[in-house]
Amino acid sequence: MPASSTVETFWSSRPVLMSVAEVAQLLGRTEATVAALANRNEIGAYKIAGRWLIAGIDVRGFAASDARAAKSDLALVLEPAPGFTGDVGGAVAYLPERLPTPTVAKILRISSVKLTELGLVVDAQQIVERGALVEFLRSVSNFGPHYSPASS
């Protein structure tokens, strides 16, 4: 299997946004360490409903630049640091323009009823525009100055 398909197979099996526990397992770190990385803006993260969520693309970018990760099994499925690491729009670019509320809730790992509480606009057909999701993620992101600006 070519490396690029191995990379895509590996990452496509992961959620769009991962919990601290999932990232800790991937990176071989403790949950406290991953949470500290998010707090220090060393890995892009979103704090949603009091929990850190980290996009797979940001895990990939962090791991590609991290010496410990480069020595782990994760290094076998990492391509060089992706060009859109930290780009919220890039992280969700493959999603359709219009997303059903259950899909958005699954991405954010919250109940569908909480979407409007977070300020996401849900239309009469229970649809959220991808652009609105990108803007929401930008508004709650923990991206530091070392991340590229997001584009949608």
C-alpha atoms as a PDB file:
ATOM      1  CA  MET A   1       0.000   0.000   0.000  1.00  0.00           C
ATOM      2  CA  PRO A   2       1.519   3.391  -0.945  1.00  0.00           C
ATOM      3  CA  ALA A   3       2.371   5.723   1.921  1.00  0.00           C
ATOM      4  CA  SER A   4      -0.210   8.356   0.983  1.00  0.00           C
ATOM      5  CA  SER A   5      -3.043   5.822   1.000  1.00  0.00           C
ATOM      6  CA  THR A   6      -1.763   4.421   4.305  1.00  0.00           C
ATOM      7  CA  VAL A   7      -1.812   7.943   5.747  1.00  0.00           C
ATOM      8  CA  GLU A   8      -5.306   8.626   4.455  1.00  0.00           C
ATOM      9  CA  THR A   9      -6.614   5.253   5.638  1.00  0.00           C
ATOM     10  CA  PHE A  10      -5.179   5.846   9.101  1.00  0.00           C
ATOM     11  CA  TRP A  11      -6.574   9.377   9.462  1.00  0.00           C
ATOM     12  CA  SER A  12      -9.932   8.659   7.826  1.00  0.00           C
ATOM     13  CA  SER A  13     -10.590   6.124  10.571  1.00  0.00           C
ATOM     14  CA  ARG A  14     -10.248   8.870  13.205  1.00  0.00           C
ATOM     15  CA  PRO A  15     -12.938  11.375  14.213  1.00  0.00           C
ATOM     16  CA  VAL A  16     -12.687  14.886  12.757  1.00  0.00           C
ATOM     17  CA  LEU A  17     -12.138  16.239  16.270  1.00  0.00           C
ATOM     18  CA  MET A  18     -10.505  13.988  18.853  1.00  0.00           C
ATOM     19  CA  SER A  19     -10.667  14.050  22.614  1.00  0.00           C
ATOM     20  CA  VAL A  20      -7.617  14.589  24.791  1.00  0.00           C
ATOM     21  CA  ALA A  21      -7.710  10.864  25.642  1.00  0.00           C
ATOM     22  CA  GLU A  22      -7.666   9.854  21.964  1.00  0.00           C
ATOM     23  CA  VAL A  23      -4.797  12.219  21.163  1.00  0.00           C
ATOM     24  CA  ALA A  24      -2.859  11.078  24.223  1.00  0.00           C
ATOM     25  CA  GLN A  25      -3.153   7.476  23.051  1.00  0.00           C
ATOM     26  CA  LEU A  26      -1.976   8.380  19.523  1.00  0.00           C
ATOM     27  CA  LEU A  27       0.987  10.424  20.740  1.00  0.00           C
ATOM     28  CA  GLY A  28       1.945   8.138  23.614  1.00  0.00           C
ATOM     29  CA  ARG A  29       1.468  10.956  26.114  1.00  0.00           C
ATOM     30  CA  THR A  30      -0.707  11.398  29.175  1.00  0.00           C
ATOM     31  CA  GLU A  31      -4.034  13.190  28.969  1.00  0.00           C
ATOM     32  CA  ALA A  32      -2.666  15.880  31.277  1.00  0.00           C
ATOM     33  CA  THR A  33       0.252  16.470  28.900  1.00  0.00           C
ATOM     34  CA  VAL A  34      -2.038  16.810  25.880  1.00  0.00           C
ATOM     35  CA  ALA A  35      -4.312  19.211  27.781  1.00  0.00           C
ATOM     36  CA  ALA A  36      -1.236  21.237  28.768  1.00  0.00           C
ATOM     37  CA  LEU A  37      -0.111  21.350  25.112  1.00  0.00           C
ATOM     38  CA  ALA A  38      -3.535  22.735  24.199  1.00  0.00           C
ATOM     39  CA  ASN A  39      -3.439  25.289  27.024  1.00  0.00           C
ATOM     40  CA  ARG A  40       0.011  26.463  25.909  1.00  0.00           C
ATOM     41  CA  ASN A  41      -1.066  26.750  22.236  1.00  0.00           C
ATOM     42  CA  GLU A  42       1.470  24.097  21.232  1.00  0.00           C
ATOM     43  CA  ILE A  43      -1.223  22.067  19.526  1.00  0.00           C
ATOM     44  CA  GLY A  44      -4.315  23.587  17.965  1.00  0.00           C
ATOM     45  CA  ALA A  45      -7.369  22.797  20.056  1.00  0.00           C
ATOM     46  CA  TYR A  46     -10.955  23.849  20.572  1.00  0.00           C
ATOM     47  CA  LYS A  47     -12.501  24.095  24.016  1.00  0.00           C
ATOM     48  CA  ILE A  48     -16.124  23.151  23.475  1.00  0.00           C
ATOM     49  CA  ALA A  49     -18.540  22.652  26.354  1.00  0.00           C
ATOM     50  CA  GLY A  50     -15.579  22.596  28.759  1.00  0.00           C
ATOM     51  CA  ARG A  51     -13.652  19.859  26.908  1.00  0.00           C
ATOM     52  CA  TRP A  52     -10.637  20.131  24.625  1.00  0.00           C
ATOM     53  CA  LEU A  53     -11.143  18.747  21.125  1.00  0.00           C
ATOM     54  CA  ILE A  54      -8.242  18.537  18.691  1.00  0.00           C
ATOM     55  CA  ALA A  55      -8.501  18.225  14.903  1.00  0.00           C
ATOM     56  CA  GLY A  56      -6.677  15.295  13.364  1.00  0.00           C
ATOM     57  CA  ILE A  57      -4.838  17.674  11.069  1.00  0.00           C
ATOM     58  CA  ASP A  58      -3.403  19.435  14.104  1.00  0.00           C
ATOM     59  CA  VAL A  59      -2.317  16.146  15.648  1.00  0.00           C
ATOM     60  CA  ARG A  60      -0.589  15.332  12.350  1.00  0.00           C
ATOM     61  CA  GLY A  61       1.163  18.686  12.240  1.00  0.00           C
ATOM     62  CA  PHE A  62       2.221  18.511  15.866  1.00  0.00           C
ATOM     63  CA  ALA A  63       3.455  14.929  15.571  1.00  0.00           C
ATOM     64  CA  ALA A  64       5.394  15.660  12.386  1.00  0.00           C
ATOM     65  CA  SER A  65       7.358  18.333  14.257  1.00  0.00           C
ATOM     66  CA  ASP A  66       7.669  16.473  17.570  1.00  0.00           C
ATOM     67  CA  ALA A  67      10.784  14.363  18.175  1.00  0.00           C
ATOM     68  CA  ARG A  68       8.986  11.914  20.476  1.00  0.00           C
ATOM     69  CA  ALA A  69       6.228  11.290  17.931  1.00  0.00           C
ATOM     70  CA  ALA A  70       8.794  10.888  15.146  1.00  0.00           C
ATOM     71  CA  LYS A  71      10.173   7.867  17.011  1.00  0.00           C
ATOM     72  CA  SER A  72       6.747   6.280  17.576  1.00  0.00           C
ATOM     73  CA  ASP A  73       4.583   4.084  15.377  1.00  0.00           C
ATOM     74  CA  LEU A  74       2.590   7.200  14.507  1.00  0.00           C
ATOM     75  CA  ALA A  75       5.570   8.370  12.459  1.00  0.00           C
ATOM     76  CA  LEU A  76       4.896   5.514  10.065  1.00  0.00           C
ATOM     77  CA  VAL A  77       1.643   7.112   8.949  1.00  0.00           C
ATOM     78  CA  LEU A  78       2.640  10.768   9.034  1.00  0.00           C
ATOM     79  CA  GLU A  79       3.322  12.740   5.946  1.00  0.00           C
ATOM     80  CA  PRO A  80       5.492  15.848   6.351  1.00  0.00           C
ATOM     81  CA  ALA A  81       3.662  18.587   8.260  1.00  0.00           C
ATOM     82  CA  PRO A  82       0.467  19.229   6.303  1.00  0.00           C
ATOM     83  CA  GLY A  83       0.271  22.644   4.659  1.00  0.00           C
ATOM     84  CA  PHE A  84      -3.025  23.481   6.270  1.00  0.00           C
ATOM     85  CA  THR A  85      -2.198  22.590   9.863  1.00  0.00           C
ATOM     86  CA  GLY A  86      -4.128  24.997  12.039  1.00  0.00           C
ATOM     87  CA  ASP A  87      -6.372  25.944   9.131  1.00  0.00           C
ATOM     88  CA  VAL A  88      -9.882  25.377  10.435  1.00  0.00           C
ATOM     89  CA  GLY A  89     -11.346  25.545   6.942  1.00  0.00           C
ATOM     90  CA  GLY A  90      -8.778  23.068   5.656  1.00  0.00           C
ATOM     91  CA  ALA A  91      -9.509  20.640   8.458  1.00  0.00           C
ATOM     92  CA  VAL A  92     -13.181  20.427   7.467  1.00  0.00           C
ATOM     93  CA  ALA A  93     -12.891  21.225   3.740  1.00  0.00           C
ATOM     94  CA  TYR A  94     -13.911  17.713   2.723  1.00  0.00           C
ATOM     95  CA  LEU A  95     -17.290  18.077   4.442  1.00  0.00           C
ATOM     96  CA  PRO A  96     -20.348  19.055   2.369  1.00  0.00           C
ATOM     97  CA  GLU A  97     -21.437  22.702   2.294  1.00  0.00           C
ATOM     98  CA  ARG A  98     -24.617  21.865   4.233  1.00  0.00           C
ATOM     99  CA  LEU A  99     -24.460  19.506   7.208  1.00  0.00           C
ATOM    100  CA  PRO A 100     -27.333  17.831   9.065  1.00  0.00           C
ATOM    101  CA  THR A 101     -27.362  18.699  12.755  1.00  0.00           C
ATOM    102  CA  PRO A 102     -26.579  15.088  13.838  1.00  0.00           C
ATOM    103  CA  THR A 103     -23.381  15.243  11.746  1.00  0.00           C
ATOM    104  CA  VAL A 104     -22.307  18.547  13.317  1.00  0.00           C
ATOM    105  CA  ALA A 105     -23.135  17.205  16.780  1.00  0.00           C
ATOM    106  CA  LYS A 106     -21.033  14.110  16.073  1.00  0.00           C
ATOM    107  CA  ILE A 107     -18.086  16.256  14.914  1.00  0.00           C
ATOM    108  CA  LEU A 108     -18.296  18.466  17.997  1.00  0.00           C
ATOM    109  CA  ARG A 109     -19.148  15.488  20.218  1.00  0.00           C
ATOM    110  CA  ILE A 110     -22.132  17.132  21.812  1.00  0.00           C
ATOM    111  CA  SER A 111     -25.879  16.675  21.746  1.00  0.00           C
ATOM    112  CA  SER A 112     -27.711  18.123  18.727  1.00  0.00           C
ATOM    113  CA  VAL A 113     -29.863  20.240  21.037  1.00  0.00           C
ATOM    114  CA  LYS A 114     -26.756  22.088  22.267  1.00  0.00           C
ATOM    115  CA  LEU A 115     -25.839  23.388  18.789  1.00  0.00           C
ATOM    116  CA  THR A 116     -28.043  26.458  19.074  1.00  0.00           C
ATOM    117  CA  GLU A 117     -26.867  27.016  22.660  1.00  0.00           C
ATOM    118  CA  LEU A 118     -23.347  27.340  21.232  1.00  0.00           C
ATOM    119  CA  GLY A 119     -24.576  29.949  18.771  1.00  0.00           C
ATOM    120  CA  LEU A 120     -24.594  27.779  15.642  1.00  0.00           C
ATOM    121  CA  VAL A 121     -27.381  28.676  13.233  1.00  0.00           C
ATOM    122  CA  VAL A 122     -29.625  25.715  12.467  1.00  0.00           C
ATOM    123  CA  ASP A 123     -32.144  26.293   9.673  1.00  0.00           C
ATOM    124  CA  ALA A 124     -35.708  24.951   9.453  1.00  0.00           C
ATOM    125  CA  GLN A 125     -34.466  21.735   7.783  1.00  0.00           C
ATOM    126  CA  GLN A 126     -32.080  21.124  10.719  1.00  0.00           C
ATOM    127  CA  ILE A 127     -29.047  21.994   8.573  1.00  0.00           C
ATOM    128  CA  VAL A 128     -25.863  23.876   9.527  1.00  0.00           C
ATOM    129  CA  GLU A 129     -23.766  25.553   6.843  1.00  0.00           C
ATOM    130  CA  ARG A 130     -20.130  24.382   6.773  1.00  0.00           C
ATOM    131  CA  GLY A 131     -19.022  28.039   6.801  1.00  0.00           C
ATOM    132  CA  ALA A 132     -20.909  28.594  10.056  1.00  0.00           C
ATOM    133  CA  LEU A 133     -19.168  25.562  11.569  1.00  0.00           C
ATOM    134  CA  VAL A 134     -15.788  26.933  10.446  1.00  0.00           C
ATOM    135  CA  GLU A 135     -16.563  30.331  11.977  1.00  0.00           C
ATOM    136  CA  PHE A 136     -17.661  28.684  15.226  1.00  0.00           C
ATOM    137  CA  LEU A 137     -14.477  26.625  15.401  1.00  0.00           C
ATOM    138  CA  ARG A 138     -12.406  29.744  14.706  1.00  0.00           C
ATOM    139  CA  SER A 139     -14.179  31.537  17.543  1.00  0.00           C
ATOM    140  CA  VAL A 140     -13.369  28.813  20.074  1.00  0.00           C
ATOM    141  CA  SER A 141      -9.953  27.829  18.746  1.00  0.00           C
ATOM    142  CA  ASN A 142      -6.811  27.844  20.801  1.00  0.00           C
ATOM    143  CA  PHE A 143      -4.589  28.505  17.802  1.00  0.00           C
ATOM    144  CA  GLY A 144      -1.516  30.533  18.598  1.00  0.00           C
ATOM    145  CA  PRO A 145       0.381  32.864  16.275  1.00  0.00           C
ATOM    146  CA  HIS A 146       2.392  29.945  14.839  1.00  0.00           C
ATOM    147  CA  TYR A 147      -0.699  28.648  12.998  1.00  0.00           C
ATOM    148  CA  SER A 148      -1.710  29.815   9.567  1.00  0.00           C
ATOM    149  CA  PRO A 149      -4.939  31.770   9.274  1.00  0.00           C
ATOM    150  CA  ALA A 150      -7.932  29.587   8.475  1.00  0.00           C
ATOM    151  CA  SER A 151      -9.712  29.788   5.172  1.00  0.00           C
ATOM    152  CA  SER A 152     -13.087  28.396   4.292  1.00  0.00           C
END
